[in-house]
Amino acid sequence: GDHWAALIVVLMIPGGHALADYASHRARAQLRALLDRTPTVAHRL
């Protein structure tokens, strides 16, 4: 009979999905930035 708690739990579901998507997007962006900085040429002595 705690309908307010039920609504709060329902509200937490998309909140959790949004946080997971944000973290995944940040991780992909950082990995992409790292790969973009990978040198393609080396100075061989």
All heavy atoms as atom14 arrays in JSON, in Angstrom:
{
  "sequence": "GDHWAALIVVLMIPGGHALADYASHRARAQLRALLDRTPTVAHRL",
  "atom14_mask": [
    [1, 1, 1, 1, 0, 0, 0, 0, 0, 0, 0, 0, 0, 0],
    [1, 1, 1, 1, 1, 1, 1, 1, 0, 0, 0, 0, 0, 0],
    [1, 1, 1, 1, 1, 1, 1, 1, 1, 1, 0, 0, 0, 0],
    [1, 1, 1, 1, 1, 1, 1, 1, 1, 1, 1, 1, 1, 1],
    [1, 1, 1, 1, 1, 0, 0, 0, 0, 0, 0, 0, 0, 0],
    [1, 1, 1, 1, 1, 0, 0, 0, 0, 0, 0, 0, 0, 0],
    [1, 1, 1, 1, 1, 1, 1, 1, 0, 0, 0, 0, 0, 0],
    [1, 1, 1, 1, 1, 1, 1, 1, 0, 0, 0, 0, 0, 0],
    [1, 1, 1, 1, 1, 1, 1, 0, 0, 0, 0, 0, 0, 0],
    [1, 1, 1, 1, 1, 1, 1, 0, 0, 0, 0, 0, 0, 0],
    [1, 1, 1, 1, 1, 1, 1, 1, 0, 0, 0, 0, 0, 0],
    [1, 1, 1, 1, 1, 1, 1, 1, 0, 0, 0, 0, 0, 0],
    [1, 1, 1, 1, 1, 1, 1, 1, 0, 0, 0, 0, 0, 0],
    [1, 1, 1, 1, 1, 1, 1, 0, 0, 0, 0, 0, 0, 0],
    [1, 1, 1, 1, 0, 0, 0, 0, 0, 0, 0, 0, 0, 0],
    [1, 1, 1, 1, 0, 0, 0, 0, 0, 0, 0, 0, 0, 0],
    [1, 1, 1, 1, 1, 1, 1, 1, 1, 1, 0, 0, 0, 0],
    [1, 1, 1, 1, 1, 0, 0, 0, 0, 0, 0, 0, 0, 0],
    [1, 1, 1, 1, 1, 1, 1, 1, 0, 0, 0, 0, 0, 0],
    [1, 1, 1, 1, 1, 0, 0, 0, 0, 0, 0, 0, 0, 0],
    [1, 1, 1, 1, 1, 1, 1, 1, 0, 0, 0, 0, 0, 0],
    [1, 1, 1, 1, 1, 1, 1, 1, 1, 1, 1, 1, 0, 0],
    [1, 1, 1, 1, 1, 0, 0, 0, 0, 0, 0, 0, 0, 0],
    [1, 1, 1, 1, 1, 1, 0, 0, 0, 0, 0, 0, 0, 0],
    [1, 1, 1, 1, 1, 1, 1, 1, 1, 1, 0, 0, 0, 0],
    [1, 1, 1, 1, 1, 1, 1, 1, 1, 1, 1, 0, 0, 0],
    [1, 1, 1, 1, 1, 0, 0, 0, 0, 0, 0, 0, 0, 0],
    [1, 1, 1, 1, 1, 1, 1, 1, 1, 1, 1, 0, 0, 0],
    [1, 1, 1, 1, 1, 0, 0, 0, 0, 0, 0, 0, 0, 0],
    [1, 1, 1, 1, 1, 1, 1, 1, 1, 0, 0, 0, 0, 0],
    [1, 1, 1, 1, 1, 1, 1, 1, 0, 0, 0, 0, 0, 0],
    [1, 1, 1, 1, 1, 1, 1, 1, 1, 1, 1, 0, 0, 0],
    [1, 1, 1, 1, 1, 0, 0, 0, 0, 0, 0, 0, 0, 0],
    [1, 1, 1, 1, 1, 1, 1, 1, 0, 0, 0, 0, 0, 0],
    [1, 1, 1, 1, 1, 1, 1, 1, 0, 0, 0, 0, 0, 0],
    [1, 1, 1, 1, 1, 1, 1, 1, 0, 0, 0, 0, 0, 0],
    [1, 1, 1, 1, 1, 1, 1, 1, 1, 1, 1, 0, 0, 0],
    [1, 1, 1, 1, 1, 1, 1, 0, 0, 0, 0, 0, 0, 0],
    [1, 1, 1, 1, 1, 1, 1, 0, 0, 0, 0, 0, 0, 0],
    [1, 1, 1, 1, 1, 1, 1, 0, 0, 0, 0, 0, 0, 0],
    [1, 1, 1, 1, 1, 1, 1, 0, 0, 0, 0, 0, 0, 0],
    [1, 1, 1, 1, 1, 0, 0, 0, 0, 0, 0, 0, 0, 0],
    [1, 1, 1, 1, 1, 1, 1, 1, 1, 1, 0, 0, 0, 0],
    [1, 1, 1, 1, 1, 1, 1, 1, 1, 1, 1, 0, 0, 0],
    [1, 1, 1, 1, 1, 1, 1, 1, 0, 0, 0, 0, 0, 0]
  ],
  "atom14_positions": [
    [[0.78, -1.23, 0.0], [0.0, 0.0, 0.0], [0.81, 1.28, 0.0], [0.26, 2.35, 0.25], [0.0, 0.0, 0.0], [0.0, 0.0, 0.0], [0.0, 0.0, 0.0], [0.0, 0.0, 0.0], [0.0, 0.0, 0.0], [0.0, 0.0, 0.0], [0.0, 0.0, 0.0], [0.0, 0.0, 0.0], [0.0, 0.0, 0.0], [0.0, 0.0, 0.0]],
    [[2.09, 1.21, -0.28], [2.93, 2.42, -0.3], [3.12, 2.87, -1.74], [4.14, 2.61, -2.37], [4.28, 2.12, 0.36], [5.03, 3.39, 0.73], [4.66, 4.47, 0.21], [5.99, 3.3, 1.52], [0.0, 0.0, 0.0], [0.0, 0.0, 0.0], [0.0, 0.0, 0.0], [0.0, 0.0, 0.0], [0.0, 0.0, 0.0], [0.0, 0.0, 0.0]],
    [[2.09, 3.56, -2.25], [2.13, 3.93, -3.66], [3.17, 4.99, -3.98], [3.7, 5.03, -5.09], [0.74, 4.39, -4.13], [0.21, 5.56, -3.37], [-0.35, 5.43, -2.11], [0.16, 6.87, -3.68], [-0.74, 6.62, -1.68], [-0.44, 7.51, -2.61], [0.0, 0.0, 0.0], [0.0, 0.0, 0.0], [0.0, 0.0, 0.0], [0.0, 0.0, 0.0]],
    [[3.49, 5.86, -3.0], [4.52, 6.87, -3.25], [5.89, 6.21, -3.42], [6.68, 6.6, -4.29], [4.56, 7.88, -2.11], [3.34, 8.74, -2.03], [2.45, 8.82, -1.01], [2.86, 9.63, -3.04], [1.43, 9.7, -1.3], [1.66, 10.22, -2.55], [3.3, 9.99, -4.31], [0.92, 11.14, -3.27], [2.57, 10.92, -5.04], [1.39, 11.48, -4.52]],
    [[6.17, 5.22, -2.59], [7.44, 4.5, -2.74], [7.5, 3.79, -4.08], [8.56, 3.72, -4.72], [7.62, 3.51, -1.6], [0.0, 0.0, 0.0], [0.0, 0.0, 0.0], [0.0, 0.0, 0.0], [0.0, 0.0, 0.0], [0.0, 0.0, 0.0], [0.0, 0.0, 0.0], [0.0, 0.0, 0.0], [0.0, 0.0, 0.0], [0.0, 0.0, 0.0]],
    [[6.35, 3.26, -4.53], [6.32, 2.58, -5.83], [6.66, 3.56, -6.95], [7.43, 3.22, -7.87], [4.94, 1.97, -6.07], [0.0, 0.0, 0.0], [0.0, 0.0, 0.0], [0.0, 0.0, 0.0], [0.0, 0.0, 0.0], [0.0, 0.0, 0.0], [0.0, 0.0, 0.0], [0.0, 0.0, 0.0], [0.0, 0.0, 0.0], [0.0, 0.0, 0.0]],
    [[6.11, 4.78, -6.87], [6.42, 5.78, -7.9], [7.91, 6.17, -7.86], [8.52, 6.38, -8.91], [5.55, 7.02, -7.71], [4.06, 6.88, -8.05], [3.34, 8.2, -7.83], [3.88, 6.41, -9.49], [0.0, 0.0, 0.0], [0.0, 0.0, 0.0], [0.0, 0.0, 0.0], [0.0, 0.0, 0.0], [0.0, 0.0, 0.0], [0.0, 0.0, 0.0]],
    [[8.46, 6.27, -6.66], [9.87, 6.63, -6.55], [10.75, 5.55, -7.19], [11.71, 5.85, -7.91], [10.25, 6.85, -5.07], [9.57, 8.11, -4.55], [11.77, 6.95, -4.91], [9.75, 8.35, -3.06], [0.0, 0.0, 0.0], [0.0, 0.0, 0.0], [0.0, 0.0, 0.0], [0.0, 0.0, 0.0], [0.0, 0.0, 0.0], [0.0, 0.0, 0.0]],
    [[10.4, 4.28, -6.95], [11.18, 3.19, -7.55], [11.06, 3.24, -9.07], [12.05, 3.05, -9.8], [10.73, 1.83, -7.01], [11.45, 0.7, -7.74], [10.99, 1.73, -5.51], [0.0, 0.0, 0.0], [0.0, 0.0, 0.0], [0.0, 0.0, 0.0], [0.0, 0.0, 0.0], [0.0, 0.0, 0.0], [0.0, 0.0, 0.0], [0.0, 0.0, 0.0]],
    [[9.85, 3.48, -9.57], [9.66, 3.59, -11.02], [10.49, 4.74, -11.57], [11.12, 4.61, -12.64], [8.17, 3.78, -11.37], [8.01, 4.09, -12.86], [7.37, 2.55, -11.0], [0.0, 0.0, 0.0], [0.0, 0.0, 0.0], [0.0, 0.0, 0.0], [0.0, 0.0, 0.0], [0.0, 0.0, 0.0], [0.0, 0.0, 0.0], [0.0, 0.0, 0.0]],
    [[10.54, 5.85, -10.85], [11.33, 7.0, -11.3], [12.82, 6.69, -11.3], [13.57, 7.24, -12.12], [11.03, 8.21, -10.4], [11.6, 9.55, -10.84], [11.04, 9.95, -12.2], [11.3, 10.62, -9.8], [0.0, 0.0, 0.0], [0.0, 0.0, 0.0], [0.0, 0.0, 0.0], [0.0, 0.0, 0.0], [0.0, 0.0, 0.0], [0.0, 0.0, 0.0]],
    [[13.24, 5.82, -10.41], [14.66, 5.47, -10.34], [15.1, 4.63, -11.55], [16.29, 4.62, -11.9], [14.95, 4.7, -9.05], [14.87, 5.55, -7.8], [14.95, 4.55, -6.3], [16.58, 3.81, -6.49], [0.0, 0.0, 0.0], [0.0, 0.0, 0.0], [0.0, 0.0, 0.0], [0.0, 0.0, 0.0], [0.0, 0.0, 0.0], [0.0, 0.0, 0.0]],
    [[14.18, 3.92, -12.18], [14.55, 3.05, -13.3], [15.1, 3.86, -14.47], [16.22, 3.6, -14.93], [13.36, 2.17, -13.72], [13.0, 1.2, -12.59], [13.69, 1.4, -15.01], [11.73, 0.4, -12.84], [0.0, 0.0, 0.0], [0.0, 0.0, 0.0], [0.0, 0.0, 0.0], [0.0, 0.0, 0.0], [0.0, 0.0, 0.0], [0.0, 0.0, 0.0]],
    [[14.37, 4.86, -15.01], [14.97, 5.65, -16.1], [16.18, 6.46, -15.63], [17.09, 6.72, -16.42], [13.83, 6.55, -16.57], [12.91, 6.65, -15.4], [12.99, 5.31, -14.73], [0.0, 0.0, 0.0], [0.0, 0.0, 0.0], [0.0, 0.0, 0.0], [0.0, 0.0, 0.0], [0.0, 0.0, 0.0], [0.0, 0.0, 0.0], [0.0, 0.0, 0.0]],
    [[16.17, 6.84, -14.34], [17.34, 7.55, -13.82], [18.58, 6.68, -13.89], [19.66, 7.14, -14.28], [0.0, 0.0, 0.0], [0.0, 0.0, 0.0], [0.0, 0.0, 0.0], [0.0, 0.0, 0.0], [0.0, 0.0, 0.0], [0.0, 0.0, 0.0], [0.0, 0.0, 0.0], [0.0, 0.0, 0.0], [0.0, 0.0, 0.0], [0.0, 0.0, 0.0]],
    [[18.44, 5.41, -13.51], [19.57, 4.48, -13.6], [20.01, 4.25, -15.04], [21.21, 4.19, -15.33], [0.0, 0.0, 0.0], [0.0, 0.0, 0.0], [0.0, 0.0, 0.0], [0.0, 0.0, 0.0], [0.0, 0.0, 0.0], [0.0, 0.0, 0.0], [0.0, 0.0, 0.0], [0.0, 0.0, 0.0], [0.0, 0.0, 0.0], [0.0, 0.0, 0.0]],
    [[19.03, 4.12, -15.94], [19.37, 3.94, -17.35], [20.11, 5.16, -17.9], [21.08, 5.03, -18.67], [18.11, 3.72, -18.17], [17.46, 2.39, -17.9], [16.23, 2.04, -18.42], [17.87, 1.33, -17.17], [15.91, 0.83, -18.01], [16.9, 0.38, -17.25], [0.0, 0.0, 0.0], [0.0, 0.0, 0.0], [0.0, 0.0, 0.0], [0.0, 0.0, 0.0]],
    [[19.66, 6.37, -17.5], [20.3, 7.59, -17.98], [21.74, 7.68, -17.48], [22.66, 8.04, -18.23], [19.51, 8.82, -17.53], [0.0, 0.0, 0.0], [0.0, 0.0, 0.0], [0.0, 0.0, 0.0], [0.0, 0.0, 0.0], [0.0, 0.0, 0.0], [0.0, 0.0, 0.0], [0.0, 0.0, 0.0], [0.0, 0.0, 0.0], [0.0, 0.0, 0.0]],
    [[21.97, 7.33, -16.21], [23.32, 7.36, -15.67], [24.22, 6.34, -16.36], [25.38, 6.62, -16.67], [23.29, 7.1, -14.16], [22.74, 8.24, -13.29], [22.66, 7.8, -11.85], [23.62, 9.48, -13.42], [0.0, 0.0, 0.0], [0.0, 0.0, 0.0], [0.0, 0.0, 0.0], [0.0, 0.0, 0.0], [0.0, 0.0, 0.0], [0.0, 0.0, 0.0]],
    [[23.67, 5.14, -16.61], [24.45, 4.11, -17.3], [24.81, 4.54, -18.71], [25.94, 4.35, -19.17], [23.68, 2.79, -17.32], [0.0, 0.0, 0.0], [0.0, 0.0, 0.0], [0.0, 0.0, 0.0], [0.0, 0.0, 0.0], [0.0, 0.0, 0.0], [0.0, 0.0, 0.0], [0.0, 0.0, 0.0], [0.0, 0.0, 0.0], [0.0, 0.0, 0.0]],
    [[23.84, 5.15, -19.42], [24.11, 5.62, -20.78], [25.15, 6.74, -20.77], [26.02, 6.81, -21.65], [22.82, 6.1, -21.44], [21.88, 4.96, -21.76], [22.32, 3.8, -21.73], [20.69, 5.24, -22.02], [0.0, 0.0, 0.0], [0.0, 0.0, 0.0], [0.0, 0.0, 0.0], [0.0, 0.0, 0.0], [0.0, 0.0, 0.0], [0.0, 0.0, 0.0]],
    [[25.05, 7.62, -19.76], [26.01, 8.73, -19.67], [27.42, 8.2, -19.43], [28.38, 8.63, -20.07], [25.6, 9.67, -18.54], [26.59, 10.76, -18.26], [26.7, 11.86, -19.11], [27.44, 10.71, -17.15], [27.62, 12.88, -18.86], [28.36, 11.71, -16.9], [28.44, 12.79, -17.76], [29.36, 13.77, -17.5], [0.0, 0.0, 0.0], [0.0, 0.0, 0.0]],
    [[27.54, 7.24, -18.5], [28.85, 6.66, -18.21], [29.41, 5.94, -19.44], [30.61, 6.03, -19.74], [28.75, 5.7, -17.03], [0.0, 0.0, 0.0], [0.0, 0.0, 0.0], [0.0, 0.0, 0.0], [0.0, 0.0, 0.0], [0.0, 0.0, 0.0], [0.0, 0.0, 0.0], [0.0, 0.0, 0.0], [0.0, 0.0, 0.0], [0.0, 0.0, 0.0]],
    [[28.55, 5.2, -20.15], [28.99, 4.5, -21.34], [29.44, 5.48, -22.42], [30.47, 5.27, -23.09], [27.86, 3.61, -21.87], [28.23, 2.97, -23.06], [0.0, 0.0, 0.0], [0.0, 0.0, 0.0], [0.0, 0.0, 0.0], [0.0, 0.0, 0.0], [0.0, 0.0, 0.0], [0.0, 0.0, 0.0], [0.0, 0.0, 0.0], [0.0, 0.0, 0.0]],
    [[28.69, 6.58, -22.58], [29.05, 7.59, -23.57], [30.39, 8.24, -23.22], [31.24, 8.44, -24.1], [27.95, 8.65, -23.65], [28.28, 9.81, -24.55], [28.26, 9.7, -25.92], [28.67, 11.07, -24.28], [28.6, 10.86, -26.46], [28.86, 11.71, -25.48], [0.0, 0.0, 0.0], [0.0, 0.0, 0.0], [0.0, 0.0, 0.0], [0.0, 0.0, 0.0]],
    [[30.59, 8.55, -21.93], [31.86, 9.15, -21.5], [33.02, 8.19, -21.76], [34.09, 8.6, -22.21], [31.8, 9.51, -20.01], [31.01, 10.76, -19.68], [31.76, 12.01, -20.11], [33.07, 12.1, -19.49], [33.3, 12.64, -18.3], [32.29, 13.12, -17.6], [34.54, 12.7, -17.83], [0.0, 0.0, 0.0], [0.0, 0.0, 0.0], [0.0, 0.0, 0.0]],
    [[32.81, 6.92, -21.44], [33.88, 5.94, -21.64], [34.24, 5.81, -23.12], [35.42, 5.77, -23.48], [33.46, 4.58, -21.07], [0.0, 0.0, 0.0], [0.0, 0.0, 0.0], [0.0, 0.0, 0.0], [0.0, 0.0, 0.0], [0.0, 0.0, 0.0], [0.0, 0.0, 0.0], [0.0, 0.0, 0.0], [0.0, 0.0, 0.0], [0.0, 0.0, 0.0]],
    [[33.2, 5.77, -23.98], [33.47, 5.68, -25.42], [34.19, 6.92, -25.92], [35.1, 6.84, -26.75], [32.17, 5.47, -26.18], [31.6, 4.07, -26.09], [30.54, 3.83, -27.16], [29.44, 4.77, -27.04], [28.34, 4.54, -26.33], [28.2, 3.4, -25.68], [27.38, 5.44, -26.28], [0.0, 0.0, 0.0], [0.0, 0.0, 0.0], [0.0, 0.0, 0.0]],
    [[33.77, 8.1, -25.42], [34.4, 9.34, -25.87], [35.86, 9.4, -25.44], [36.73, 9.82, -26.22], [33.64, 10.54, -25.3], [0.0, 0.0, 0.0], [0.0, 0.0, 0.0], [0.0, 0.0, 0.0], [0.0, 0.0, 0.0], [0.0, 0.0, 0.0], [0.0, 0.0, 0.0], [0.0, 0.0, 0.0], [0.0, 0.0, 0.0], [0.0, 0.0, 0.0]],
    [[36.15, 8.96, -24.21], [37.53, 8.99, -23.74], [38.38, 7.98, -24.49], [39.54, 8.25, -24.81], [37.57, 8.72, -22.23], [36.99, 9.86, -21.42], [36.94, 9.56, -19.94], [37.29, 8.46, -19.5], [36.5, 10.52, -19.15], [0.0, 0.0, 0.0], [0.0, 0.0, 0.0], [0.0, 0.0, 0.0], [0.0, 0.0, 0.0], [0.0, 0.0, 0.0]],
    [[37.81, 6.81, -24.77], [38.56, 5.82, -25.55], [38.82, 6.32, -26.96], [39.92, 6.14, -27.5], [37.78, 4.5, -25.58], [38.43, 3.35, -26.35], [39.79, 3.02, -25.77], [37.53, 2.12, -26.35], [0.0, 0.0, 0.0], [0.0, 0.0, 0.0], [0.0, 0.0, 0.0], [0.0, 0.0, 0.0], [0.0, 0.0, 0.0], [0.0, 0.0, 0.0]],
    [[37.8, 6.98, -27.54], [37.97, 7.52, -28.89], [39.04, 8.61, -28.9], [39.88, 8.68, -29.81], [36.64, 8.07, -29.39], [36.62, 8.44, -30.85], [35.2, 8.51, -31.38], [34.33, 9.27, -30.5], [33.29, 8.76, -29.85], [33.01, 7.47, -29.97], [32.53, 9.51, -29.07], [0.0, 0.0, 0.0], [0.0, 0.0, 0.0], [0.0, 0.0, 0.0]],
    [[39.05, 9.46, -27.84], [40.07, 10.51, -27.75], [41.46, 9.91, -27.6], [42.44, 10.4, -28.18], [39.76, 11.43, -26.58], [0.0, 0.0, 0.0], [0.0, 0.0, 0.0], [0.0, 0.0, 0.0], [0.0, 0.0, 0.0], [0.0, 0.0, 0.0], [0.0, 0.0, 0.0], [0.0, 0.0, 0.0], [0.0, 0.0, 0.0], [0.0, 0.0, 0.0]],
    [[41.55, 8.83, -26.82], [42.84, 8.16, -26.65], [43.33, 7.56, -27.96], [44.51, 7.67, -28.31], [42.72, 7.08, -25.57], [44.0, 6.31, -25.22], [45.05, 7.27, -24.68], [43.69, 5.22, -24.21], [0.0, 0.0, 0.0], [0.0, 0.0, 0.0], [0.0, 0.0, 0.0], [0.0, 0.0, 0.0], [0.0, 0.0, 0.0], [0.0, 0.0, 0.0]],
    [[42.42, 6.94, -28.7], [42.8, 6.36, -29.98], [43.18, 7.43, -30.99], [44.09, 7.23, -31.8], [41.65, 5.5, -30.52], [41.34, 4.23, -29.74], [40.1, 3.54, -30.31], [42.52, 3.28, -29.76], [0.0, 0.0, 0.0], [0.0, 0.0, 0.0], [0.0, 0.0, 0.0], [0.0, 0.0, 0.0], [0.0, 0.0, 0.0], [0.0, 0.0, 0.0]],
    [[42.48, 8.58, -30.93], [42.81, 9.67, -31.85], [44.21, 10.22, -31.6], [44.84, 10.76, -32.52], [41.78, 10.79, -31.73], [40.42, 10.4, -32.31], [40.38, 9.43, -33.08], [39.42, 11.06, -31.96], [0.0, 0.0, 0.0], [0.0, 0.0, 0.0], [0.0, 0.0, 0.0], [0.0, 0.0, 0.0], [0.0, 0.0, 0.0], [0.0, 0.0, 0.0]],
    [[44.67, 10.12, -30.35], [45.99, 10.63, -30.01], [47.1, 9.61, -30.26], [48.27, 9.92, -30.06], [46.01, 11.06, -28.54], [45.24, 12.34, -28.29], [45.07, 12.61, -26.82], [46.25, 12.31, -26.03], [46.23, 12.07, -24.74], [45.07, 12.05, -24.11], [47.34, 11.85, -24.08], [0.0, 0.0, 0.0], [0.0, 0.0, 0.0], [0.0, 0.0, 0.0]],
    [[46.73, 8.42, -30.64], [47.75, 7.39, -30.89], [48.59, 7.79, -32.1], [48.05, 8.03, -33.18], [47.08, 6.03, -31.15], [46.29, 5.67, -30.02], [48.13, 4.96, -31.39], [0.0, 0.0, 0.0], [0.0, 0.0, 0.0], [0.0, 0.0, 0.0], [0.0, 0.0, 0.0], [0.0, 0.0, 0.0], [0.0, 0.0, 0.0], [0.0, 0.0, 0.0]],
    [[49.89, 7.87, -31.92], [50.74, 8.28, -33.05], [50.77, 7.22, -34.14], [50.69, 6.02, -33.86], [52.12, 8.46, -32.41], [52.09, 7.61, -31.18], [50.67, 7.63, -30.69], [0.0, 0.0, 0.0], [0.0, 0.0, 0.0], [0.0, 0.0, 0.0], [0.0, 0.0, 0.0], [0.0, 0.0, 0.0], [0.0, 0.0, 0.0], [0.0, 0.0, 0.0]],
    [[50.91, 7.67, -35.35], [51.02, 6.76, -36.49], [52.44, 6.7, -37.02], [52.75, 5.83, -37.83], [50.08, 7.21, -37.62], [50.4, 8.55, -38.0], [48.62, 7.15, -37.16], [0.0, 0.0, 0.0], [0.0, 0.0, 0.0], [0.0, 0.0, 0.0], [0.0, 0.0, 0.0], [0.0, 0.0, 0.0], [0.0, 0.0, 0.0], [0.0, 0.0, 0.0]],
    [[53.29, 7.63, -36.55], [54.68, 7.69, -37.01], [55.6, 7.69, -35.8], [55.29, 8.31, -34.77], [54.93, 8.96, -37.86], [56.4, 9.1, -38.21], [54.08, 8.92, -39.12], [0.0, 0.0, 0.0], [0.0, 0.0, 0.0], [0.0, 0.0, 0.0], [0.0, 0.0, 0.0], [0.0, 0.0, 0.0], [0.0, 0.0, 0.0], [0.0, 0.0, 0.0]],
    [[56.71, 6.98, -35.89], [57.71, 6.94, -34.82], [59.05, 7.4, -35.38], [59.33, 7.28, -36.59], [57.83, 5.53, -34.26], [0.0, 0.0, 0.0], [0.0, 0.0, 0.0], [0.0, 0.0, 0.0], [0.0, 0.0, 0.0], [0.0, 0.0, 0.0], [0.0, 0.0, 0.0], [0.0, 0.0, 0.0], [0.0, 0.0, 0.0], [0.0, 0.0, 0.0]],
    [[59.89, 7.97, -34.47], [61.23, 8.41, -34.87], [62.21, 7.28, -34.55], [62.58, 7.07, -33.39], [61.63, 9.68, -34.11], [60.58, 10.76, -34.15], [60.07, 11.27, -35.33], [59.92, 11.4, -33.15], [59.17, 12.2, -35.06], [59.06, 12.28, -33.74], [0.0, 0.0, 0.0], [0.0, 0.0, 0.0], [0.0, 0.0, 0.0], [0.0, 0.0, 0.0]],
    [[62.61, 6.54, -35.56], [63.53, 5.42, -35.35], [64.97, 5.89, -35.54], [65.31, 6.51, -36.55], [63.22, 4.28, -36.31], [64.08, 3.04, -36.07], [63.49, 1.81, -36.76], [63.37, 2.01, -38.2], [62.71, 1.17, -39.02], [62.1, 0.1, -38.5], [62.63, 1.42, -40.31], [0.0, 0.0, 0.0], [0.0, 0.0, 0.0], [0.0, 0.0, 0.0]],
    [[65.8, 5.61, -34.53], [67.2, 6.03, -34.57], [68.01, 5.11, -35.48], [67.74, 3.92, -35.58], [67.78, 6.0, -33.15], [67.25, 7.09, -32.2], [67.48, 6.69, -30.76], [67.92, 8.41, -32.5], [0.0, 0.0, 0.0], [0.0, 0.0, 0.0], [0.0, 0.0, 0.0], [0.0, 0.0, 0.0], [0.0, 0.0, 0.0], [0.0, 0.0, 0.0]]
  ]
}
